[in-house]
Every structure is written in structure tokens, then in C-alpha cells.
Amino acid sequence: MIPQNPFKSAPADGVTRLIFVRHAQTDANAKHYLQGQSDGVLNETGLAQAAYIAAQLRPFFVDKIYSSNQKRALATAAAIANEHDLPVETDPRLQEWNCGEWDAMPAVDFQRMIAEQGLTASTLEPPGGETFQQVRSRAEAALADIIAQSEGKSVLITSHGDFIRSMIGVLMGIEADVVTNFLLDNASYSILERQQGTWKILTLNCIS
């Protein structure tokens, strides 16, 4: 027997649901470059991924859709919104971590740099960018406003890998050095619900 999708219906009374969607693929993602607040667009694979996740989420109950105003996130959100006949509300606070001068650095070079210097997420200070504490503060402020306007609703938020990890960290009380280890693929979704005042992770990095 195929199990019922529990997210087809509105949340139970007193429950708030957040559906976090990481944007689909860009060329920088495909080449494994850091991509912070540079405004890359979806590539051919990304456009197909956006269409696919929109179809996957079509049966889900969604009251509102919020998105980062960066092109890759907004294009992903628009594909999903089209399936739900909903507008997309953009919020620049949902943008990716500003990694400053490290933007477009090959990921392999970034990993080598942090290993050689003994850096962790909590100690990163990119020249011209944000620390993860600043990202976390931005995530906390954005979530506070979204949740205040969405009590008892099912809300979809399209954003970016590091920023979604920061939002999950805020809600679950998980520190940056731990939550940065969560894998979030392009065009994946993760669902959290607040039940009786406590946030719970129901799905993480779902791509099918």
C-alpha cells in the first residue's frame, strides 16, 4: 500500500508548517564554485529541476510562498507558485550567505583553505562578506516576521543552501558548526513543523 502524503492537507490546528526549498542548479553549482550573493541564473539542468520539484510539490498544501530575490531562487519559486496559483513574496533577507571575496572560489580550494587554517563555520570571516553569526541573525529576523504572519499555515520558502541551514539552526537550536554539515541538494525540500510549541524536522533534503 502506498502511504498517504501527510502534507496534502493543511496543518492540524495549532501547527505551523515551513517547507524550505533550495533553488535548482546554476553553472556555479555544477562546477562546484562558491556562490554567495552573486546572482547566477538556472542552467538547463536547473530549469528541468525546477519543473520537477514544482511537479513533486503540486499535491502539497501551501498557503504562502516566500523567496529570496536572487534570480536562481526566484525562478525556482516561480515554477512552484505556478502549480499553486499563488504569488511569490520576495524578501532580500532570504539571500545566500555573502561570502565576499570568496565568491566564485572553487569549493576544493575553499575546503583546502579552511583545513589549512583550522577554520570552522563559526570562525569564518570572508573579506567583504558576512560571518555566519550575521547570517544567523538575518535568518532569525526573517523567520520571526514570516512566522508571525503565518501562524497555523503551511508556508513555502525558497532560498539557498547555507541560508536554509541557518534557518534550520535557528529553529532547532543547532549551532553553525553542526548545522553546516546538513546536506541540502539543489531543488530539494525540507519540512519543519511547530507542534505544541516545539519545532520538529519531518523531512530533510528530499529530492523525490
C-alpha atoms as a PDB file:
ATOM      1  CA  MET A   1       0.000   0.000   0.000  1.00  0.00           C
ATOM      2  CA  ILE A   2       1.326   3.448  -0.948  1.00  0.00           C
ATOM      3  CA  PRO A   3       1.451   5.659   2.177  1.00  0.00           C
ATOM      4  CA  GLN A   4      -0.631   8.817   2.216  1.00  0.00           C
ATOM      5  CA  ASN A   5       1.204  12.114   1.782  1.00  0.00           C
ATOM      6  CA  PRO A   6       0.694  13.880   5.141  1.00  0.00           C
ATOM      7  CA  PHE A   7       1.452  17.257   3.555  1.00  0.00           C
ATOM      8  CA  LYS A   8      -1.513  17.275   1.152  1.00  0.00           C
ATOM      9  CA  SER A   9      -3.691  18.712   3.882  1.00  0.00           C
ATOM     10  CA  ALA A  10      -3.490  21.929   5.846  1.00  0.00           C
ATOM     11  CA  PRO A  11      -1.589  21.683   9.131  1.00  0.00           C
ATOM     12  CA  ALA A  12      -3.550  20.473  12.143  1.00  0.00           C
ATOM     13  CA  ASP A  13      -4.967  23.099  14.477  1.00  0.00           C
ATOM     14  CA  GLY A  14      -2.187  24.967  16.237  1.00  0.00           C
ATOM     15  CA  VAL A  15       0.534  23.629  13.905  1.00  0.00           C
ATOM     16  CA  THR A  16       2.686  25.840  11.655  1.00  0.00           C
ATOM     17  CA  ARG A  17       4.485  24.188   8.724  1.00  0.00           C
ATOM     18  CA  LEU A  18       7.552  25.518   6.911  1.00  0.00           C
ATOM     19  CA  ILE A  19       8.651  23.959   3.619  1.00  0.00           C
ATOM     20  CA  PHE A  20      12.199  25.030   2.766  1.00  0.00           C
ATOM     21  CA  VAL A  21      13.240  24.637  -0.881  1.00  0.00           C
ATOM     22  CA  ARG A  22      16.802  25.065  -2.064  1.00  0.00           C
ATOM     23  CA  HIS A  23      16.978  26.612  -5.537  1.00  0.00           C
ATOM     24  CA  ALA A  24      17.730  24.477  -8.600  1.00  0.00           C
ATOM     25  CA  GLN A  25      21.144  24.218 -10.242  1.00  0.00           C
ATOM     26  CA  THR A  26      23.256  27.034 -11.698  1.00  0.00           C
ATOM     27  CA  ASP A  27      26.529  26.775 -13.602  1.00  0.00           C
ATOM     28  CA  ALA A  28      28.407  27.670 -10.403  1.00  0.00           C
ATOM     29  CA  ASN A  29      26.735  24.743  -8.618  1.00  0.00           C
ATOM     30  CA  ALA A  30      27.577  22.384 -11.481  1.00  0.00           C
ATOM     31  CA  LYS A  31      31.234  23.491 -11.412  1.00  0.00           C
ATOM     32  CA  HIS A  32      31.385  23.332  -7.588  1.00  0.00           C
ATOM     33  CA  TYR A  33      32.202  27.002  -7.052  1.00  0.00           C
ATOM     34  CA  LEU A  34      31.157  29.013  -4.024  1.00  0.00           C
ATOM     35  CA  GLN A  35      28.126  31.086  -4.940  1.00  0.00           C
ATOM     36  CA  GLY A  36      27.098  33.647  -2.412  1.00  0.00           C
ATOM     37  CA  GLN A  37      25.271  36.809  -3.387  1.00  0.00           C
ATOM     38  CA  SER A  38      26.462  36.797  -6.996  1.00  0.00           C
ATOM     39  CA  ASP A  39      23.260  36.489  -8.995  1.00  0.00           C
ATOM     40  CA  GLY A  40      23.648  33.359 -11.114  1.00  0.00           C
ATOM     41  CA  VAL A  41      20.701  32.060 -13.127  1.00  0.00           C
ATOM     42  CA  LEU A  42      19.431  28.490 -13.514  1.00  0.00           C
ATOM     43  CA  ASN A  43      21.187  26.477 -16.199  1.00  0.00           C
ATOM     44  CA  GLU A  44      19.472  23.897 -18.426  1.00  0.00           C
ATOM     45  CA  THR A  45      19.652  21.227 -15.743  1.00  0.00           C
ATOM     46  CA  GLY A  46      18.372  23.721 -13.185  1.00  0.00           C
ATOM     47  CA  LEU A  47      15.345  24.621 -15.276  1.00  0.00           C
ATOM     48  CA  ALA A  48      14.484  20.918 -15.525  1.00  0.00           C
ATOM     49  CA  GLN A  49      14.997  20.528 -11.774  1.00  0.00           C
ATOM     50  CA  ALA A  50      12.720  23.484 -11.047  1.00  0.00           C
ATOM     51  CA  ALA A  51       9.985  21.967 -13.198  1.00  0.00           C
ATOM     52  CA  TYR A  52      10.461  18.614 -11.491  1.00  0.00           C
ATOM     53  CA  ILE A  53      10.260  19.882  -7.918  1.00  0.00           C
ATOM     54  CA  ALA A  54       7.267  22.037  -8.854  1.00  0.00           C
ATOM     55  CA  ALA A  55       5.511  18.872 -10.047  1.00  0.00           C
ATOM     56  CA  GLN A  56       6.581  16.978  -6.917  1.00  0.00           C
ATOM     57  CA  LEU A  57       5.198  19.705  -4.656  1.00  0.00           C
ATOM     58  CA  ARG A  58       1.987  20.184  -6.648  1.00  0.00           C
ATOM     59  CA  PRO A  59      -0.079  17.992  -4.257  1.00  0.00           C
ATOM     60  CA  PHE A  60       1.254  19.743  -1.154  1.00  0.00           C
ATOM     61  CA  PHE A  61      -0.951  22.184   0.718  1.00  0.00           C
ATOM     62  CA  VAL A  62       0.646  25.637   0.556  1.00  0.00           C
ATOM     63  CA  ASP A  63      -0.845  28.904   1.850  1.00  0.00           C
ATOM     64  CA  LYS A  64       2.021  31.287   1.048  1.00  0.00           C
ATOM     65  CA  ILE A  65       5.274  31.338  -0.888  1.00  0.00           C
ATOM     66  CA  TYR A  66       8.289  33.450   0.056  1.00  0.00           C
ATOM     67  CA  SER A  67      11.555  33.643  -1.844  1.00  0.00           C
ATOM     68  CA  SER A  68      14.966  35.187  -1.879  1.00  0.00           C
ATOM     69  CA  ASN A  69      15.073  37.862  -4.563  1.00  0.00           C
ATOM     70  CA  GLN A  70      18.154  36.293  -6.170  1.00  0.00           C
ATOM     71  CA  LYS A  71      17.402  35.035  -9.680  1.00  0.00           C
ATOM     72  CA  ARG A  72      18.107  31.358  -9.073  1.00  0.00           C
ATOM     73  CA  ALA A  73      15.792  31.186  -6.068  1.00  0.00           C
ATOM     74  CA  LEU A  74      13.082  33.325  -7.615  1.00  0.00           C
ATOM     75  CA  ALA A  75      12.963  31.204 -10.794  1.00  0.00           C
ATOM     76  CA  THR A  76      12.590  28.066  -8.670  1.00  0.00           C
ATOM     77  CA  ALA A  77       9.872  29.680  -6.565  1.00  0.00           C
ATOM     78  CA  ALA A  78       8.018  30.875  -9.668  1.00  0.00           C
ATOM     79  CA  ALA A  79       7.854  27.328 -11.056  1.00  0.00           C
ATOM     80  CA  ILE A  80       6.371  26.084  -7.779  1.00  0.00           C
ATOM     81  CA  ALA A  81       3.995  29.039  -7.440  1.00  0.00           C
ATOM     82  CA  ASN A  82       2.641  28.406 -10.926  1.00  0.00           C
ATOM     83  CA  GLU A  83       1.446  24.978  -9.770  1.00  0.00           C
ATOM     84  CA  HIS A  84      -0.389  26.512  -6.804  1.00  0.00           C
ATOM     85  CA  ASP A  85      -1.725  29.679  -8.428  1.00  0.00           C
ATOM     86  CA  LEU A  86      -0.061  31.737  -5.695  1.00  0.00           C
ATOM     87  CA  PRO A  87       2.031  34.906  -5.784  1.00  0.00           C
ATOM     88  CA  VAL A  88       5.660  34.893  -4.657  1.00  0.00           C
ATOM     89  CA  GLU A  89       6.590  37.374  -1.943  1.00  0.00           C
ATOM     90  CA  THR A  90      10.288  38.245  -2.191  1.00  0.00           C
ATOM     91  CA  ASP A  91      12.426  39.115   0.804  1.00  0.00           C
ATOM     92  CA  PRO A  92      16.077  40.151   0.333  1.00  0.00           C
ATOM     93  CA  ARG A  93      16.850  38.845   3.827  1.00  0.00           C
ATOM     94  CA  LEU A  94      16.470  35.327   2.369  1.00  0.00           C
ATOM     95  CA  GLN A  95      19.542  35.805   0.156  1.00  0.00           C
ATOM     96  CA  GLU A  96      22.511  33.464   0.426  1.00  0.00           C
ATOM     97  CA  TRP A  97      25.464  33.945   2.746  1.00  0.00           C
ATOM     98  CA  ASN A  98      27.537  36.857   1.482  1.00  0.00           C
ATOM     99  CA  CYS A  99      30.943  35.190   1.137  1.00  0.00           C
ATOM    100  CA  GLY A 100      32.544  38.397  -0.099  1.00  0.00           C
ATOM    101  CA  GLU A 101      35.820  37.968  -1.956  1.00  0.00           C
ATOM    102  CA  TRP A 102      35.488  34.187  -1.735  1.00  0.00           C
ATOM    103  CA  ASP A 103      32.522  34.218  -4.130  1.00  0.00           C
ATOM    104  CA  ALA A 104      33.319  32.034  -7.194  1.00  0.00           C
ATOM    105  CA  MET A 105      36.196  30.301  -5.383  1.00  0.00           C
ATOM    106  CA  PRO A 106      36.377  26.598  -6.345  1.00  0.00           C
ATOM    107  CA  ALA A 107      34.952  24.556  -3.487  1.00  0.00           C
ATOM    108  CA  VAL A 108      38.059  22.362  -3.393  1.00  0.00           C
ATOM    109  CA  ASP A 109      40.222  25.455  -2.804  1.00  0.00           C
ATOM    110  CA  PHE A 110      37.824  26.681  -0.120  1.00  0.00           C
ATOM    111  CA  GLN A 111      37.949  23.342   1.690  1.00  0.00           C
ATOM    112  CA  ARG A 112      41.750  23.314   1.495  1.00  0.00           C
ATOM    113  CA  MET A 113      41.916  26.863   2.870  1.00  0.00           C
ATOM    114  CA  ILE A 114      39.715  26.183   5.875  1.00  0.00           C
ATOM    115  CA  ALA A 115      41.552  22.929   6.610  1.00  0.00           C
ATOM    116  CA  GLU A 116      44.973  24.585   6.459  1.00  0.00           C
ATOM    117  CA  GLN A 117      43.849  27.499   8.632  1.00  0.00           C
ATOM    118  CA  GLY A 118      41.808  25.394  11.047  1.00  0.00           C
ATOM    119  CA  LEU A 119      38.645  27.387  10.373  1.00  0.00           C
ATOM    120  CA  THR A 120      35.069  26.364  11.175  1.00  0.00           C
ATOM    121  CA  ALA A 121      31.729  27.876  10.181  1.00  0.00           C
ATOM    122  CA  SER A 122      31.639  29.866  13.404  1.00  0.00           C
ATOM    123  CA  THR A 123      35.084  31.375  12.759  1.00  0.00           C
ATOM    124  CA  LEU A 124      34.807  32.214   9.050  1.00  0.00           C
ATOM    125  CA  GLU A 125      35.238  35.915   8.274  1.00  0.00           C
ATOM    126  CA  PRO A 126      35.249  36.337   4.479  1.00  0.00           C
ATOM    127  CA  PRO A 127      36.779  39.641   3.332  1.00  0.00           C
ATOM    128  CA  GLY A 128      33.920  41.911   2.321  1.00  0.00           C
ATOM    129  CA  GLY A 129      31.318  39.358   3.421  1.00  0.00           C
ATOM    130  CA  GLU A 130      29.305  38.110   6.399  1.00  0.00           C
ATOM    131  CA  THR A 131      30.169  35.897   9.326  1.00  0.00           C
ATOM    132  CA  PHE A 132      27.794  33.004   9.937  1.00  0.00           C
ATOM    133  CA  GLN A 133      26.628  34.743  13.107  1.00  0.00           C
ATOM    134  CA  GLN A 134      25.484  37.643  10.927  1.00  0.00           C
ATOM    135  CA  VAL A 135      23.758  35.188   8.577  1.00  0.00           C
ATOM    136  CA  ARG A 136      22.081  33.535  11.545  1.00  0.00           C
ATOM    137  CA  SER A 137      20.851  36.903  12.842  1.00  0.00           C
ATOM    138  CA  ARG A 138      19.415  37.681   9.399  1.00  0.00           C
ATOM    139  CA  ALA A 139      17.718  34.280   9.331  1.00  0.00           C
ATOM    140  CA  GLU A 140      16.262  34.809  12.800  1.00  0.00           C
ATOM    141  CA  ALA A 141      14.789  38.191  11.843  1.00  0.00           C
ATOM    142  CA  ALA A 142      13.289  36.917   8.583  1.00  0.00           C
ATOM    143  CA  LEU A 143      11.793  33.851  10.263  1.00  0.00           C
ATOM    144  CA  ALA A 144      10.291  35.911  13.075  1.00  0.00           C
ATOM    145  CA  ASP A 145       8.388  38.060  10.587  1.00  0.00           C
ATOM    146  CA  ILE A 146       7.307  35.171   8.355  1.00  0.00           C
ATOM    147  CA  ILE A 147       6.095  33.056  11.270  1.00  0.00           C
ATOM    148  CA  ALA A 148       4.274  35.983  12.878  1.00  0.00           C
ATOM    149  CA  GLN A 149       2.285  36.389   9.658  1.00  0.00           C
ATOM    150  CA  SER A 150       1.753  32.666   9.134  1.00  0.00           C
ATOM    151  CA  GLU A 151       0.643  31.067  12.400  1.00  0.00           C
ATOM    152  CA  GLY A 152      -1.246  27.856  11.669  1.00  0.00           C
ATOM    153  CA  LYS A 153      -0.408  27.938   7.970  1.00  0.00           C
ATOM    154  CA  SER A 154       1.751  25.996   5.540  1.00  0.00           C
ATOM    155  CA  VAL A 155       4.450  28.290   4.162  1.00  0.00           C
ATOM    156  CA  LEU A 156       6.993  27.515   1.444  1.00  0.00           C
ATOM    157  CA  ILE A 157      10.316  29.384   1.498  1.00  0.00           C
ATOM    158  CA  THR A 158      12.675  29.184  -1.473  1.00  0.00           C
ATOM    159  CA  SER A 159      16.223  30.135  -0.592  1.00  0.00           C
ATOM    160  CA  HIS A 160      19.838  28.913  -0.644  1.00  0.00           C
ATOM    161  CA  GLY A 161      21.840  26.092   0.913  1.00  0.00           C
ATOM    162  CA  ASP A 162      23.748  27.932   3.620  1.00  0.00           C
ATOM    163  CA  PHE A 163      20.840  30.201   4.424  1.00  0.00           C
ATOM    164  CA  ILE A 164      18.360  27.334   4.763  1.00  0.00           C
ATOM    165  CA  ARG A 165      20.830  25.562   7.044  1.00  0.00           C
ATOM    166  CA  SER A 166      20.989  28.760   9.121  1.00  0.00           C
ATOM    167  CA  MET A 167      17.186  28.910   9.348  1.00  0.00           C
ATOM    168  CA  ILE A 168      17.009  25.278  10.440  1.00  0.00           C
ATOM    169  CA  GLY A 169      19.727  26.011  13.005  1.00  0.00           C
ATOM    170  CA  VAL A 170      17.718  28.907  14.405  1.00  0.00           C
ATOM    171  CA  LEU A 171      14.513  26.880  14.703  1.00  0.00           C
ATOM    172  CA  MET A 172      16.146  23.757  16.137  1.00  0.00           C
ATOM    173  CA  GLY A 173      18.764  25.449  18.312  1.00  0.00           C
ATOM    174  CA  ILE A 174      21.621  23.818  16.383  1.00  0.00           C
ATOM    175  CA  GLU A 175      24.926  25.679  16.265  1.00  0.00           C
ATOM    176  CA  ALA A 176      26.510  26.743  12.969  1.00  0.00           C
ATOM    177  CA  ASP A 177      29.412  24.293  13.248  1.00  0.00           C
ATOM    178  CA  VAL A 178      26.906  21.403  13.343  1.00  0.00           C
ATOM    179  CA  VAL A 179      24.116  22.545  11.034  1.00  0.00           C
ATOM    180  CA  THR A 180      26.563  23.345   8.225  1.00  0.00           C
ATOM    181  CA  ASN A 181      27.104  19.578   7.953  1.00  0.00           C
ATOM    182  CA  PHE A 182      23.493  19.082   6.792  1.00  0.00           C
ATOM    183  CA  LEU A 183      23.424  18.160   3.104  1.00  0.00           C
ATOM    184  CA  LEU A 184      20.920  20.128   1.022  1.00  0.00           C
ATOM    185  CA  ASP A 185      20.924  19.303  -2.682  1.00  0.00           C
ATOM    186  CA  ASN A 186      19.766  21.646  -5.416  1.00  0.00           C
ATOM    187  CA  ALA A 187      15.974  21.503  -5.841  1.00  0.00           C
ATOM    188  CA  SER A 188      15.489  19.641  -2.558  1.00  0.00           C
ATOM    189  CA  TYR A 189      12.887  20.349   0.103  1.00  0.00           C
ATOM    190  CA  SER A 190      12.943  20.045   3.879  1.00  0.00           C
ATOM    191  CA  ILE A 191       9.881  20.351   6.105  1.00  0.00           C
ATOM    192  CA  LEU A 192       9.659  21.515   9.704  1.00  0.00           C
ATOM    193  CA  GLU A 193       6.532  21.859  11.821  1.00  0.00           C
ATOM    194  CA  ARG A 194       5.944  23.602  15.119  1.00  0.00           C
ATOM    195  CA  GLN A 195       3.826  21.243  17.181  1.00  0.00           C
ATOM    196  CA  GLN A 196       2.787  22.234  20.710  1.00  0.00           C
ATOM    197  CA  GLY A 197       5.417  24.950  20.716  1.00  0.00           C
ATOM    198  CA  THR A 198       8.302  22.721  19.583  1.00  0.00           C
ATOM    199  CA  TRP A 199       9.856  22.621  16.112  1.00  0.00           C
ATOM    200  CA  LYS A 200      10.371  19.182  14.586  1.00  0.00           C
ATOM    201  CA  ILE A 201      12.208  18.183  11.392  1.00  0.00           C
ATOM    202  CA  LEU A 202       9.833  15.980   9.376  1.00  0.00           C
ATOM    203  CA  THR A 203      11.854  15.682   6.157  1.00  0.00           C
ATOM    204  CA  LEU A 204      15.368  16.809   5.265  1.00  0.00           C
ATOM    205  CA  ASN A 205      16.891  17.111   1.785  1.00  0.00           C
ATOM    206  CA  CYS A 206      14.057  15.299  -0.006  1.00  0.00           C
ATOM    207  CA  ILE A 207      14.524  15.209  -3.786  1.00  0.00           C
ATOM    208  CA  SER A 208      11.933  12.653  -4.882  1.00  0.00           C
END
